[in-house]
């Protein structure tokens, strides 16, 4: 039973690390991909610097 708990914890830990890696790759890809001229930029989740109160 103890081995099952350890295996479950290991799977959850590696799953979390995998999610962090995928999120980091997504941010890196979005920051390095050039925006095409004919395509409109999607609105950002974060407010613009001049809108911060």
N, C-alpha and C. Protein backbone atom coordinates (compact mmCIF):
# COMPACT_ATOMS: atom_id res chain seq x y z
N UNK A 1 0.83 -1.20 0.00
CA UNK A 1 0.00 0.00 0.00
C UNK A 1 0.87 1.26 0.00
N UNK A 2 1.97 1.22 0.72
CA UNK A 2 2.85 2.38 0.80
C UNK A 2 3.46 2.69 -0.56
N UNK A 3 3.76 1.65 -1.34
CA UNK A 3 4.34 1.85 -2.67
C UNK A 3 3.34 2.52 -3.61
N UNK A 4 2.07 2.19 -3.44
CA UNK A 4 1.03 2.80 -4.28
C UNK A 4 0.94 4.30 -3.99
N UNK A 5 1.00 4.68 -2.73
CA UNK A 5 0.94 6.09 -2.35
C UNK A 5 2.15 6.84 -2.89
N UNK A 6 3.33 6.23 -2.78
CA UNK A 6 4.55 6.87 -3.30
C UNK A 6 4.47 7.02 -4.82
N UNK A 7 3.98 5.98 -5.50
CA UNK A 7 3.85 6.05 -6.96
C UNK A 7 2.85 7.12 -7.37
N UNK A 8 1.76 7.23 -6.63
CA UNK A 8 0.75 8.25 -6.93
C UNK A 8 1.31 9.66 -6.73
N UNK A 9 2.06 9.85 -5.66
CA UNK A 9 2.69 11.15 -5.41
C UNK A 9 3.70 11.49 -6.50
N UNK A 10 4.47 10.49 -6.94
CA UNK A 10 5.45 10.72 -8.00
C UNK A 10 4.77 11.12 -9.30
N UNK A 11 3.67 10.44 -9.64
CA UNK A 11 2.95 10.78 -10.87
C UNK A 11 2.40 12.20 -10.81
N UNK A 12 1.85 12.58 -9.67
CA UNK A 12 1.32 13.94 -9.51
C UNK A 12 2.43 14.98 -9.62
N UNK A 13 3.58 14.68 -9.03
CA UNK A 13 4.70 15.63 -9.07
C UNK A 13 5.21 15.80 -10.50
N UNK A 14 5.40 14.69 -11.20
CA UNK A 14 5.89 14.79 -12.58
C UNK A 14 4.84 15.45 -13.48
N UNK A 15 3.57 15.23 -13.20
CA UNK A 15 2.52 15.89 -13.98
C UNK A 15 2.55 17.39 -13.79
N UNK A 16 2.81 17.84 -12.57
CA UNK A 16 2.89 19.27 -12.29
C UNK A 16 4.09 19.89 -12.99
N UNK A 17 5.22 19.19 -12.94
CA UNK A 17 6.43 19.70 -13.61
C UNK A 17 6.18 19.78 -15.11
N UNK A 18 5.51 18.78 -15.67
CA UNK A 18 5.19 18.79 -17.10
C UNK A 18 4.31 19.98 -17.47
N UNK A 19 3.35 20.30 -16.61
CA UNK A 19 2.49 21.45 -16.88
C UNK A 19 3.25 22.76 -16.85
N UNK A 20 4.20 22.87 -15.92
CA UNK A 20 5.01 24.09 -15.84
C UNK A 20 5.89 24.22 -17.08
N UNK A 21 6.47 23.09 -17.53
CA UNK A 21 7.31 23.12 -18.73
C UNK A 21 6.49 23.53 -19.94
N UNK A 22 5.29 22.96 -20.09
CA UNK A 22 4.44 23.32 -21.23
C UNK A 22 4.03 24.79 -21.19
N UNK A 23 3.72 25.31 -20.02
CA UNK A 23 3.36 26.72 -19.90
C UNK A 23 4.54 27.61 -20.28
N UNK A 24 5.73 27.24 -19.83
CA UNK A 24 6.93 28.00 -20.18
C UNK A 24 7.21 27.98 -21.67
N UNK A 25 7.02 26.81 -22.30
CA UNK A 25 7.22 26.73 -23.75
C UNK A 25 6.20 27.59 -24.49
N UNK A 26 4.97 27.63 -23.99
CA UNK A 26 3.93 28.44 -24.61
C UNK A 26 4.29 29.92 -24.53
N UNK A 27 4.74 30.38 -23.38
CA UNK A 27 5.13 31.78 -23.22
C UNK A 27 6.30 32.11 -24.13
N UNK A 28 7.30 31.22 -24.18
CA UNK A 28 8.48 31.45 -25.02
C UNK A 28 8.08 31.51 -26.50
N UNK A 29 7.23 30.59 -26.93
CA UNK A 29 6.81 30.57 -28.33
C UNK A 29 6.04 31.82 -28.70
N UNK A 30 5.15 32.27 -27.82
CA UNK A 30 4.35 33.46 -28.11
C UNK A 30 5.21 34.71 -28.13
N UNK A 31 6.28 34.74 -27.33
CA UNK A 31 7.11 35.94 -27.28
C UNK A 31 8.10 36.00 -28.45
N UNK A 32 8.41 34.86 -29.05
CA UNK A 32 9.40 34.85 -30.13
C UNK A 32 8.77 34.73 -31.51
N UNK A 33 7.46 34.50 -31.60
CA UNK A 33 6.79 34.38 -32.89
C UNK A 33 6.41 35.78 -33.38
N UNK A 34 6.85 36.16 -34.59
CA UNK A 34 6.47 37.48 -35.10
C UNK A 34 4.98 37.54 -35.42
N UNK A 35 4.39 38.71 -35.22
CA UNK A 35 2.97 38.91 -35.51
C UNK A 35 2.83 39.34 -36.96
N UNK A 36 1.92 38.67 -37.68
CA UNK A 36 1.71 39.01 -39.09
C UNK A 36 0.97 40.34 -39.19
N UNK A 37 1.23 41.07 -40.29
CA UNK A 37 0.65 42.40 -40.46
C UNK A 37 -0.87 42.33 -40.65
N UNK A 38 -1.38 41.37 -41.42
CA UNK A 38 -2.80 41.31 -41.73
C UNK A 38 -3.63 40.74 -40.61
N UNK A 39 -3.01 40.22 -39.59
CA UNK A 39 -3.72 39.57 -38.50
C UNK A 39 -3.86 40.52 -37.32
N UNK A 40 -5.06 40.59 -36.74
CA UNK A 40 -5.25 41.44 -35.58
C UNK A 40 -4.71 40.75 -34.35
N UNK A 41 -4.14 41.54 -33.46
CA UNK A 41 -3.59 40.99 -32.22
C UNK A 41 -4.73 40.76 -31.24
N UNK A 42 -4.73 39.58 -30.61
CA UNK A 42 -5.77 39.28 -29.64
C UNK A 42 -5.54 40.13 -28.38
N UNK A 43 -6.61 40.49 -27.69
CA UNK A 43 -6.44 41.32 -26.49
C UNK A 43 -5.67 40.58 -25.40
N UNK A 44 -4.88 41.32 -24.68
CA UNK A 44 -4.07 40.73 -23.63
C UNK A 44 -4.88 40.59 -22.36
N UNK A 45 -4.52 39.62 -21.55
CA UNK A 45 -5.19 39.42 -20.27
C UNK A 45 -4.75 40.50 -19.29
N UNK A 46 -3.49 40.93 -19.40
CA UNK A 46 -2.96 41.95 -18.51
C UNK A 46 -3.29 43.34 -19.04
N UNK A 47 -3.57 44.30 -18.18
CA UNK A 47 -3.84 45.66 -18.66
C UNK A 47 -2.56 46.32 -19.17
N UNK A 48 -2.74 47.31 -20.01
CA UNK A 48 -1.60 48.06 -20.52
C UNK A 48 -0.96 48.83 -19.36
N UNK A 49 0.34 49.15 -19.46
CA UNK A 49 1.02 49.85 -18.35
C UNK A 49 0.38 51.18 -17.99
N UNK A 50 -0.20 51.89 -18.96
CA UNK A 50 -0.80 53.19 -18.64
C UNK A 50 -2.18 53.05 -18.00
N UNK A 51 -2.73 51.83 -17.94
CA UNK A 51 -4.03 51.61 -17.33
C UNK A 51 -3.93 51.12 -15.89
N UNK A 52 -2.74 50.82 -15.42
CA UNK A 52 -2.56 50.32 -14.06
C UNK A 52 -2.80 51.45 -13.08
N UNK A 53 -3.60 51.18 -12.07
CA UNK A 53 -3.93 52.24 -11.10
C UNK A 53 -3.21 52.01 -9.80
